[in-house]
Amino acid sequence: MENIFLVLSLFIPRITLVIFFFMHSIPFNNVPLIGDFLLAVFLPRVLILIYVVENYGVESPWFWIHLVMAVLVYIFGGRKVSKRRMRKKVKIIDK
């Protein structure tokens, strides 16, 4: 796997997967093609973790960096959305 793929996928995983798919540079994996598409749409960070594990293994620092980033995004990303929804509900109720 290329380092550019690993770095870009930390910040913009879905876009990185699409770009590398069209460049025919998706890393080697054992995931079926339909699994690649579904994971890329719904859980791109999980797909990237699968790529890293299959190419570098669990001992790789890239695996741990991507795992920590995935956990942070899923924990804190959900709170932002929840707060926005609450603000919208409060504004609707106040009107």
PDB file of N, CA and C in Angstrom:
ATOM      1  N   MET A   1       0.847  -1.185   0.000  1.00  0.00           N
ATOM      2  CA  MET A   1       0.000   0.000   0.000  1.00  0.00           C
ATOM      3  C   MET A   1       0.884   1.237   0.000  1.00  0.00           C
ATOM      4  N   GLU A   2       0.375   2.260  -0.583  1.00  0.00           N
ATOM      5  CA  GLU A   2       1.129   3.498  -0.668  1.00  0.00           C
ATOM      6  C   GLU A   2       0.894   4.339   0.581  1.00  0.00           C
ATOM      7  N   ASN A   3       1.908   5.089   0.954  1.00  0.00           N
ATOM      8  CA  ASN A   3       1.783   5.958   2.127  1.00  0.00           C
ATOM      9  C   ASN A   3       0.755   7.057   1.889  1.00  0.00           C
ATOM     10  N   ILE A   4       0.639   7.523   0.668  1.00  0.00           N
ATOM     11  CA  ILE A   4      -0.335   8.581   0.372  1.00  0.00           C
ATOM     12  C   ILE A   4      -1.757   8.087   0.637  1.00  0.00           C
ATOM     13  N   PHE A   5      -2.015   6.817   0.304  1.00  0.00           N
ATOM     14  CA  PHE A   5      -3.328   6.226   0.588  1.00  0.00           C
ATOM     15  C   PHE A   5      -3.580   6.204   2.087  1.00  0.00           C
ATOM     16  N   LEU A   6      -2.593   5.801   2.845  1.00  0.00           N
ATOM     17  CA  LEU A   6      -2.763   5.696   4.294  1.00  0.00           C
ATOM     18  C   LEU A   6      -2.967   7.056   4.952  1.00  0.00           C
ATOM     19  N   VAL A   7      -2.247   8.053   4.491  1.00  0.00           N
ATOM     20  CA  VAL A   7      -2.376   9.392   5.079  1.00  0.00           C
ATOM     21  C   VAL A   7      -3.708  10.024   4.694  1.00  0.00           C
ATOM     22  N   LEU A   8      -4.053   9.971   3.410  1.00  0.00           N
ATOM     23  CA  LEU A   8      -5.315  10.570   2.973  1.00  0.00           C
ATOM     24  C   LEU A   8      -6.520   9.887   3.609  1.00  0.00           C
ATOM     25  N   SER A   9      -6.434   8.574   3.775  1.00  0.00           N
ATOM     26  CA  SER A   9      -7.571   7.849   4.330  1.00  0.00           C
ATOM     27  C   SER A   9      -7.795   8.155   5.811  1.00  0.00           C
ATOM     28  N   LEU A  10      -6.824   8.747   6.471  1.00  0.00           N
ATOM     29  CA  LEU A  10      -7.048   9.182   7.854  1.00  0.00           C
ATOM     30  C   LEU A  10      -8.050  10.329   7.912  1.00  0.00           C
ATOM     31  N   PHE A  11      -7.997  11.218   6.935  1.00  0.00           N
ATOM     32  CA  PHE A  11      -8.791  12.433   6.986  1.00  0.00           C
ATOM     33  C   PHE A  11     -10.024  12.401   6.086  1.00  0.00           C
ATOM     34  N   ILE A  12      -9.896  11.807   4.913  1.00  0.00           N
ATOM     35  CA  ILE A  12     -11.020  11.744   3.973  1.00  0.00           C
ATOM     36  C   ILE A  12     -11.130  10.317   3.412  1.00  0.00           C
ATOM     37  N   PRO A  13     -11.595   9.382   4.216  1.00  0.00           N
ATOM     38  CA  PRO A  13     -11.562   7.972   3.802  1.00  0.00           C
ATOM     39  C   PRO A  13     -12.426   7.658   2.589  1.00  0.00           C
ATOM     40  N   ARG A  14     -13.635   8.172   2.532  1.00  0.00           N
ATOM     41  CA  ARG A  14     -14.537   7.844   1.426  1.00  0.00           C
ATOM     42  C   ARG A  14     -13.997   8.373   0.096  1.00  0.00           C
ATOM     43  N   ILE A  15     -13.542   9.600   0.106  1.00  0.00           N
ATOM     44  CA  ILE A  15     -13.006  10.210  -1.110  1.00  0.00           C
ATOM     45  C   ILE A  15     -11.732   9.480  -1.544  1.00  0.00           C
ATOM     46  N   THR A  16     -10.889   9.115  -0.595  1.00  0.00           N
ATOM     47  CA  THR A  16      -9.674   8.377  -0.909  1.00  0.00           C
ATOM     48  C   THR A  16      -9.993   7.040  -1.559  1.00  0.00           C
ATOM     49  N   LEU A  17     -10.977   6.337  -1.029  1.00  0.00           N
ATOM     50  CA  LEU A  17     -11.359   5.053  -1.615  1.00  0.00           C
ATOM     51  C   LEU A  17     -11.861   5.221  -3.044  1.00  0.00           C
ATOM     52  N   VAL A  18     -12.651   6.249  -3.283  1.00  0.00           N
ATOM     53  CA  VAL A  18     -13.171   6.490  -4.634  1.00  0.00           C
ATOM     54  C   VAL A  18     -12.035   6.833  -5.593  1.00  0.00           C
ATOM     55  N   ILE A  19     -11.148   7.703  -5.176  1.00  0.00           N
ATOM     56  CA  ILE A  19     -10.026   8.106  -6.038  1.00  0.00           C
ATOM     57  C   ILE A  19      -9.174   6.902  -6.391  1.00  0.00           C
ATOM     58  N   PHE A  20      -8.809   6.105  -5.391  1.00  0.00           N
ATOM     59  CA  PHE A  20      -7.950   4.958  -5.658  1.00  0.00           C
ATOM     60  C   PHE A  20      -8.687   3.860  -6.421  1.00  0.00           C
ATOM     61  N   PHE A  21      -9.994   3.780  -6.287  1.00  0.00           N
ATOM     62  CA  PHE A  21     -10.758   2.819  -7.069  1.00  0.00           C
ATOM     63  C   PHE A  21     -10.687   3.173  -8.551  1.00  0.00           C
ATOM     64  N   PHE A  22     -10.878   4.450  -8.871  1.00  0.00           N
ATOM     65  CA  PHE A  22     -10.837   4.872 -10.261  1.00  0.00           C
ATOM     66  C   PHE A  22      -9.422   4.838 -10.837  1.00  0.00           C
ATOM     67  N   MET A  23      -8.419   4.905  -9.979  1.00  0.00           N
ATOM     68  CA  MET A  23      -7.033   4.774 -10.435  1.00  0.00           C
ATOM     69  C   MET A  23      -6.602   3.304 -10.509  1.00  0.00           C
ATOM     70  N   HIS A  24      -7.506   2.388 -10.146  1.00  0.00           N
ATOM     71  CA  HIS A  24      -7.217   0.946 -10.107  1.00  0.00           C
ATOM     72  C   HIS A  24      -6.058   0.648  -9.161  1.00  0.00           C
ATOM     73  N   SER A  25      -6.040   1.320  -8.014  1.00  0.00           N
ATOM     74  CA  SER A  25      -4.957   1.153  -7.052  1.00  0.00           C
ATOM     75  C   SER A  25      -5.454   0.728  -5.675  1.00  0.00           C
ATOM     76  N   ILE A  26      -6.628   0.121  -5.623  1.00  0.00           N
ATOM     77  CA  ILE A  26      -7.131  -0.357  -4.327  1.00  0.00           C
ATOM     78  C   ILE A  26      -6.178  -1.426  -3.812  1.00  0.00           C
ATOM     79  N   PRO A  27      -5.802  -1.373  -2.534  1.00  0.00           N
ATOM     80  CA  PRO A  27      -4.879  -2.369  -1.987  1.00  0.00           C
ATOM     81  C   PRO A  27      -5.448  -3.790  -2.063  1.00  0.00           C
ATOM     82  N   PHE A  28      -4.554  -4.752  -2.047  1.00  0.00           N
ATOM     83  CA  PHE A  28      -4.952  -6.154  -2.070  1.00  0.00           C
ATOM     84  C   PHE A  28      -5.826  -6.460  -0.867  1.00  0.00           C
ATOM     85  N   ASN A  29      -6.901  -7.250  -1.114  1.00  0.00           N
ATOM     86  CA  ASN A  29      -7.773  -7.669  -0.024  1.00  0.00           C
ATOM     87  C   ASN A  29      -8.534  -8.916  -0.425  1.00  0.00           C
ATOM     88  N   ASN A  30      -9.155  -9.541   0.565  1.00  0.00           N
ATOM     89  CA  ASN A  30      -9.967 -10.733   0.330  1.00  0.00           C
ATOM     90  C   ASN A  30     -11.455 -10.436   0.435  1.00  0.00           C
ATOM     91  N   VAL A  31     -11.825  -9.177   0.505  1.00  0.00           N
ATOM     92  CA  VAL A  31     -13.225  -8.784   0.610  1.00  0.00           C
ATOM     93  C   VAL A  31     -13.854  -8.877  -0.788  1.00  0.00           C
ATOM     94  N   PRO A  32     -15.025  -9.500  -0.904  1.00  0.00           N
ATOM     95  CA  PRO A  32     -15.674  -9.549  -2.222  1.00  0.00           C
ATOM     96  C   PRO A  32     -15.991  -8.138  -2.729  1.00  0.00           C
ATOM     97  N   LEU A  33     -16.168  -8.012  -4.027  1.00  0.00           N
ATOM     98  CA  LEU A  33     -16.385  -6.693  -4.638  1.00  0.00           C
ATOM     99  C   LEU A  33     -17.621  -5.993  -4.068  1.00  0.00           C
ATOM    100  N   ILE A  34     -18.705  -6.738  -3.839  1.00  0.00           N
ATOM    101  CA  ILE A  34     -19.911  -6.126  -3.264  1.00  0.00           C
ATOM    102  C   ILE A  34     -19.633  -5.643  -1.838  1.00  0.00           C
ATOM    103  N   GLY A  35     -18.798  -6.379  -1.119  1.00  0.00           N
ATOM    104  CA  GLY A  35     -18.398  -5.952   0.224  1.00  0.00           C
ATOM    105  C   GLY A  35     -17.581  -4.684   0.190  1.00  0.00           C
ATOM    106  N   ASP A  36     -16.705  -4.581  -0.818  1.00  0.00           N
ATOM    107  CA  ASP A  36     -15.927  -3.351  -0.987  1.00  0.00           C
ATOM    108  C   ASP A  36     -16.843  -2.147  -1.181  1.00  0.00           C
ATOM    109  N   PHE A  37     -17.836  -2.297  -2.059  1.00  0.00           N
ATOM    110  CA  PHE A  37     -18.744  -1.185  -2.328  1.00  0.00           C
ATOM    111  C   PHE A  37     -19.579  -0.824  -1.105  1.00  0.00           C
ATOM    112  N   LEU A  38     -20.148  -1.829  -0.446  1.00  0.00           N
ATOM    113  CA  LEU A  38     -21.005  -1.552   0.708  1.00  0.00           C
ATOM    114  C   LEU A  38     -20.221  -0.948   1.861  1.00  0.00           C
ATOM    115  N   LEU A  39     -19.045  -1.497   2.146  1.00  0.00           N
ATOM    116  CA  LEU A  39     -18.234  -0.934   3.221  1.00  0.00           C
ATOM    117  C   LEU A  39     -17.725   0.457   2.881  1.00  0.00           C
ATOM    118  N   ALA A  40     -17.388   0.689   1.618  1.00  0.00           N
ATOM    119  CA  ALA A  40     -16.916   2.015   1.223  1.00  0.00           C
ATOM    120  C   ALA A  40     -18.006   3.063   1.399  1.00  0.00           C
ATOM    121  N   VAL A  41     -19.260   2.678   1.194  1.00  0.00           N
ATOM    122  CA  VAL A  41     -20.364   3.624   1.328  1.00  0.00           C
ATOM    123  C   VAL A  41     -20.738   3.827   2.798  1.00  0.00           C
ATOM    124  N   PHE A  42     -20.872   2.732   3.550  1.00  0.00           N
ATOM    125  CA  PHE A  42     -21.412   2.830   4.905  1.00  0.00           C
ATOM    126  C   PHE A  42     -20.350   2.877   6.010  1.00  0.00           C
ATOM    127  N   LEU A  43     -19.263   2.139   5.866  1.00  0.00           N
ATOM    128  CA  LEU A  43     -18.230   2.081   6.903  1.00  0.00           C
ATOM    129  C   LEU A  43     -16.833   2.135   6.272  1.00  0.00           C
ATOM    130  N   PRO A  44     -16.454   3.275   5.702  1.00  0.00           N
ATOM    131  CA  PRO A  44     -15.173   3.328   4.992  1.00  0.00           C
ATOM    132  C   PRO A  44     -13.964   3.102   5.898  1.00  0.00           C
ATOM    133  N   ARG A  45     -14.036   3.541   7.128  1.00  0.00           N
ATOM    134  CA  ARG A  45     -12.896   3.351   8.027  1.00  0.00           C
ATOM    135  C   ARG A  45     -12.678   1.879   8.363  1.00  0.00           C
ATOM    136  N   VAL A  46     -13.754   1.125   8.441  1.00  0.00           N
ATOM    137  CA  VAL A  46     -13.631  -0.315   8.693  1.00  0.00           C
ATOM    138  C   VAL A  46     -12.962  -0.987   7.490  1.00  0.00           C
ATOM    139  N   LEU A  47     -13.338  -0.595   6.293  1.00  0.00           N
ATOM    140  CA  LEU A  47     -12.732  -1.157   5.089  1.00  0.00           C
ATOM    141  C   LEU A  47     -11.239  -0.839   5.035  1.00  0.00           C
ATOM    142  N   ILE A  48     -10.867   0.358   5.401  1.00  0.00           N
ATOM    143  CA  ILE A  48      -9.457   0.730   5.394  1.00  0.00           C
ATOM    144  C   ILE A  48      -8.704  -0.066   6.451  1.00  0.00           C
ATOM    145  N   LEU A  49      -9.326  -0.287   7.602  1.00  0.00           N
ATOM    146  CA  LEU A  49      -8.691  -1.131   8.619  1.00  0.00           C
ATOM    147  C   LEU A  49      -8.484  -2.550   8.094  1.00  0.00           C
ATOM    148  N   ILE A  50      -9.436  -3.072   7.350  1.00  0.00           N
ATOM    149  CA  ILE A  50      -9.282  -4.401   6.748  1.00  0.00           C
ATOM    150  C   ILE A  50      -8.105  -4.403   5.786  1.00  0.00           C
ATOM    151  N   TYR A  51      -7.997  -3.364   4.964  1.00  0.00           N
ATOM    152  CA  TYR A  51      -6.873  -3.261   4.030  1.00  0.00           C
ATOM    153  C   TYR A  51      -5.540  -3.252   4.776  1.00  0.00           C
ATOM    154  N   VAL A  52      -5.458  -2.465   5.843  1.00  0.00           N
ATOM    155  CA  VAL A  52      -4.211  -2.350   6.592  1.00  0.00           C
ATOM    156  C   VAL A  52      -3.853  -3.682   7.240  1.00  0.00           C
ATOM    157  N   VAL A  53      -4.828  -4.355   7.825  1.00  0.00           N
ATOM    158  CA  VAL A  53      -4.561  -5.637   8.485  1.00  0.00           C
ATOM    159  C   VAL A  53      -4.094  -6.674   7.477  1.00  0.00           C
ATOM    160  N   GLU A  54      -4.736  -6.723   6.318  1.00  0.00           N
ATOM    161  CA  GLU A  54      -4.360  -7.735   5.330  1.00  0.00           C
ATOM    162  C   GLU A  54      -3.009  -7.460   4.684  1.00  0.00           C
ATOM    163  N   ASN A  55      -2.581  -6.210   4.640  1.00  0.00           N
ATOM    164  CA  ASN A  55      -1.306  -5.894   4.006  1.00  0.00           C
ATOM    165  C   ASN A  55      -0.148  -5.732   4.982  1.00  0.00           C
ATOM    166  N   TYR A  56      -0.419  -5.190   6.164  1.00  0.00           N
ATOM    167  CA  TYR A  56       0.646  -4.933   7.127  1.00  0.00           C
ATOM    168  C   TYR A  56       0.527  -5.742   8.410  1.00  0.00           C
ATOM    169  N   GLY A  57      -0.658  -6.160   8.763  1.00  0.00           N
ATOM    170  CA  GLY A  57      -0.851  -6.891  10.004  1.00  0.00           C
ATOM    171  C   GLY A  57      -1.233  -5.966  11.146  1.00  0.00           C
ATOM    172  N   VAL A  58      -1.528  -6.568  12.267  1.00  0.00           N
ATOM    173  CA  VAL A  58      -1.977  -5.812  13.443  1.00  0.00           C
ATOM    174  C   VAL A  58      -0.807  -5.116  14.134  1.00  0.00           C
ATOM    175  N   GLU A  59       0.397  -5.568  13.895  1.00  0.00           N
ATOM    176  CA  GLU A  59       1.568  -4.978  14.557  1.00  0.00           C
ATOM    177  C   GLU A  59       1.964  -3.632  13.968  1.00  0.00           C
ATOM    178  N   SER A  60       1.425  -3.311  12.816  1.00  0.00           N
ATOM    179  CA  SER A  60       1.793  -2.080  12.122  1.00  0.00           C
ATOM    180  C   SER A  60       1.291  -0.850  12.874  1.00  0.00           C
ATOM    181  N   PRO A  61       2.110   0.197  12.927  1.00  0.00           N
ATOM    182  CA  PRO A  61       1.630   1.449  13.538  1.00  0.00           C
ATOM    183  C   PRO A  61       0.462   2.056  12.765  1.00  0.00           C
ATOM    184  N   TRP A  62       0.402   1.807  11.452  1.00  0.00           N
ATOM    185  CA  TRP A  62      -0.709   2.325  10.658  1.00  0.00           C
ATOM    186  C   TRP A  62      -2.034   1.752  11.128  1.00  0.00           C
ATOM    187  N   PHE A  63      -2.040   0.495  11.532  1.00  0.00           N
ATOM    188  CA  PHE A  63      -3.274  -0.112  12.038  1.00  0.00           C
ATOM    189  C   PHE A  63      -3.750   0.622  13.284  1.00  0.00           C
ATOM    190  N   TRP A  64      -2.843   0.859  14.203  1.00  0.00           N
ATOM    191  CA  TRP A  64      -3.230   1.508  15.466  1.00  0.00           C
ATOM    192  C   TRP A  64      -3.623   2.959  15.248  1.00  0.00           C
ATOM    193  N   ILE A  65      -2.947   3.647  14.344  1.00  0.00           N
ATOM    194  CA  ILE A  65      -3.316   5.037  14.042  1.00  0.00           C
ATOM    195  C   ILE A  65      -4.729   5.093  13.464  1.00  0.00           C
ATOM    196  N   HIS A  66      -5.025   4.214  12.511  1.00  0.00           N
ATOM    197  CA  HIS A  66      -6.353   4.197  11.891  1.00  0.00           C
ATOM    198  C   HIS A  66      -7.422   3.736  12.877  1.00  0.00           C
ATOM    199  N   LEU A  67      -7.090   2.799  13.743  1.00  0.00           N
ATOM    200  CA  LEU A  67      -8.059   2.339  14.739  1.00  0.00           C
ATOM    201  C   LEU A  67      -8.410   3.448  15.723  1.00  0.00           C
ATOM    202  N   VAL A  68      -7.409   4.167  16.200  1.00  0.00           N
ATOM    203  CA  VAL A  68      -7.660   5.280  17.123  1.00  0.00           C
ATOM    204  C   VAL A  68      -8.482   6.361  16.436  1.00  0.00           C
ATOM    205  N   MET A  69      -8.148   6.675  15.187  1.00  0.00           N
ATOM    206  CA  MET A  69      -8.903   7.696  14.446  1.00  0.00           C
ATOM    207  C   MET A  69     -10.351   7.257  14.242  1.00  0.00           C
ATOM    208  N   ALA A  70     -10.564   5.989  13.920  1.00  0.00           N
ATOM    209  CA  ALA A  70     -11.929   5.488  13.714  1.00  0.00           C
ATOM    210  C   ALA A  70     -12.738   5.591  14.998  1.00  0.00           C
ATOM    211  N   VAL A  71     -12.141   5.218  16.117  1.00  0.00           N
ATOM    212  CA  VAL A  71     -12.849   5.297  17.398  1.00  0.00           C
ATOM    213  C   VAL A  71     -13.183   6.746  17.733  1.00  0.00           C
ATOM    214  N   LEU A  72     -12.229   7.650  17.533  1.00  0.00           N
ATOM    215  CA  LEU A  72     -12.471   9.065  17.818  1.00  0.00           C
ATOM    216  C   LEU A  72     -13.584   9.638  16.944  1.00  0.00           C
ATOM    217  N   VAL A  73     -13.570   9.297  15.677  1.00  0.00           N
ATOM    218  CA  VAL A  73     -14.594   9.819  14.770  1.00  0.00           C
ATOM    219  C   VAL A  73     -15.965   9.284  15.151  1.00  0.00           C
ATOM    220  N   TYR A  74     -16.057   7.997  15.457  1.00  0.00           N
ATOM    221  CA  TYR A  74     -17.360   7.427  15.789  1.00  0.00           C
ATOM    222  C   TYR A  74     -17.871   7.912  17.139  1.00  0.00           C
ATOM    223  N   ILE A  75     -16.973   8.195  18.081  1.00  0.00           N
ATOM    224  CA  ILE A  75     -17.420   8.695  19.387  1.00  0.00           C
ATOM    225  C   ILE A  75     -17.809  10.171  19.304  1.00  0.00           C
ATOM    226  N   PHE A  76     -16.910  11.003  18.803  1.00  0.00           N
ATOM    227  CA  PHE A  76     -17.150  12.443  18.811  1.00  0.00           C
ATOM    228  C   PHE A  76     -17.992  12.911  17.640  1.00  0.00           C
ATOM    229  N   GLY A  77     -17.977  12.211  16.527  1.00  0.00           N
ATOM    230  CA  GLY A  77     -18.803  12.579  15.386  1.00  0.00           C
ATOM    231  C   GLY A  77     -20.276  12.459  15.702  1.00  0.00           C
ATOM    232  N   GLY A  78     -20.645  11.454  16.458  1.00  0.00           N
ATOM    233  CA  GLY A  78     -22.040  11.258  16.837  1.00  0.00           C
ATOM    234  C   GLY A  78     -22.540  12.338  17.769  1.00  0.00           C
ATOM    235  N   ARG A  79     -21.689  12.843  18.612  1.00  0.00           N
ATOM    236  CA  ARG A  79     -22.093  13.907  19.534  1.00  0.00           C
ATOM    237  C   ARG A  79     -22.383  15.204  18.795  1.00  0.00           C
ATOM    238  N   LYS A  80     -21.597  15.507  17.774  1.00  0.00           N
ATOM    239  CA  LYS A  80     -21.837  16.730  17.006  1.00  0.00           C
ATOM    240  C   LYS A  80     -23.195  16.684  16.334  1.00  0.00           C
ATOM    241  N   VAL A  81     -23.494  15.561  15.735  1.00  0.00           N
ATOM    242  CA  VAL A  81     -24.780  15.411  15.061  1.00  0.00           C
ATOM    243  C   VAL A  81     -25.911  15.498  16.065  1.00  0.00           C
ATOM    244  N   SER A  82     -25.745  14.876  17.201  1.00  0.00           N
ATOM    245  CA  SER A  82     -26.772  14.893  18.242  1.00  0.00           C
ATOM    246  C   SER A  82     -27.007  16.318  18.753  1.00  0.00           C
ATOM    247  N   LYS A  83     -25.927  17.065  18.955  1.00  0.00           N
ATOM    248  CA  LYS A  83     -26.066  18.445  19.425  1.00  0.00           C
ATOM    249  C   LYS A  83     -26.767  19.320  18.388  1.00  0.00           C
ATOM    250  N   ARG A  84     -26.431  19.117  17.104  1.00  0.00           N
ATOM    251  CA  ARG A  84     -27.084  19.896  16.052  1.00  0.00           C
ATOM    252  C   ARG A  84     -28.572  19.608  16.012  1.00  0.00           C
ATOM    253  N   ARG A  85     -28.934  18.348  16.142  1.00  0.00           N
ATOM    254  CA  ARG A  85     -30.348  17.984  16.123  1.00  0.00           C
ATOM    255  C   ARG A  85     -31.086  18.594  17.297  1.00  0.00           C
ATOM    256  N   MET A  86     -30.459  18.599  18.451  1.00  0.00           N
ATOM    257  CA  MET A  86     -31.095  19.183  19.634  1.00  0.00           C
ATOM    258  C   MET A  86     -31.288  20.684  19.452  1.00  0.00           C
ATOM    259  N   ARG A  87     -30.287  21.369  18.862  1.00  0.00           N
ATOM    260  CA  ARG A  87     -30.416  22.803  18.624  1.00  0.00           C
ATOM    261  C   ARG A  87     -31.550  23.096  17.661  1.00  0.00           C
ATOM    262  N   LYS A  88     -31.688  22.272  16.627  1.00  0.00           N
ATOM    263  CA  LYS A  88     -32.767  22.477  15.665  1.00  0.00           C
ATOM    264  C   LYS A  88     -34.122  22.251  16.319  1.00  0.00           C
ATOM    265  N   LYS A  89     -34.227  21.256  17.170  1.00  0.00           N
ATOM    266  CA  LYS A  89     -35.492  20.987  17.859  1.00  0.00           C
ATOM    267  C   LYS A  89     -35.859  22.131  18.787  1.00  0.00           C
ATOM    268  N   VAL A  90     -34.868  22.680  19.465  1.00  0.00           N
ATOM    269  CA  VAL A  90     -35.113  23.799  20.375  1.00  0.00           C
ATOM    270  C   VAL A  90     -35.570  25.017  19.589  1.00  0.00           C
ATOM    271  N   LYS A  91     -34.954  25.285  18.425  1.00  0.00           N
ATOM    272  CA  LYS A  91     -35.356  26.425  17.619  1.00  0.00           C
ATOM    273  C   LYS A  91     -36.778  26.265  17.107  1.00  0.00           C
ATOM    274  N   ILE A  92     -37.144  25.064  16.743  1.00  0.00           N
ATOM    275  CA  ILE A  92     -38.508  24.812  16.251  1.00  0.00           C
ATOM    276  C   ILE A  92     -39.503  25.012  17.383  1.00  0.00           C
ATOM    277  N   ILE A  93     -39.191  24.543  18.553  1.00  0.00           N
ATOM    278  CA  ILE A  93     -40.090  24.656  19.705  1.00  0.00           C
ATOM    279  C   ILE A  93     -40.222  26.117  20.121  1.00  0.00           C
ATOM    280  N   ASP A  94     -39.131  26.883  20.058  1.00  0.00           N
ATOM    281  CA  ASP A  94     -39.155  28.291  20.469  1.00  0.00           C
ATOM    282  C   ASP A  94     -40.014  29.145  19.531  1.00  0.00           C
ATOM    283  N   LYS A  95     -40.143  28.764  18.309  1.00  0.00           N
ATOM    284  CA  LYS A  95     -40.942  29.558  17.362  1.00  0.00           C
ATOM    285  C   LYS A  95     -42.362  29.412  17.717  1.00  0.00           C
TER     286      LYS A  95
END
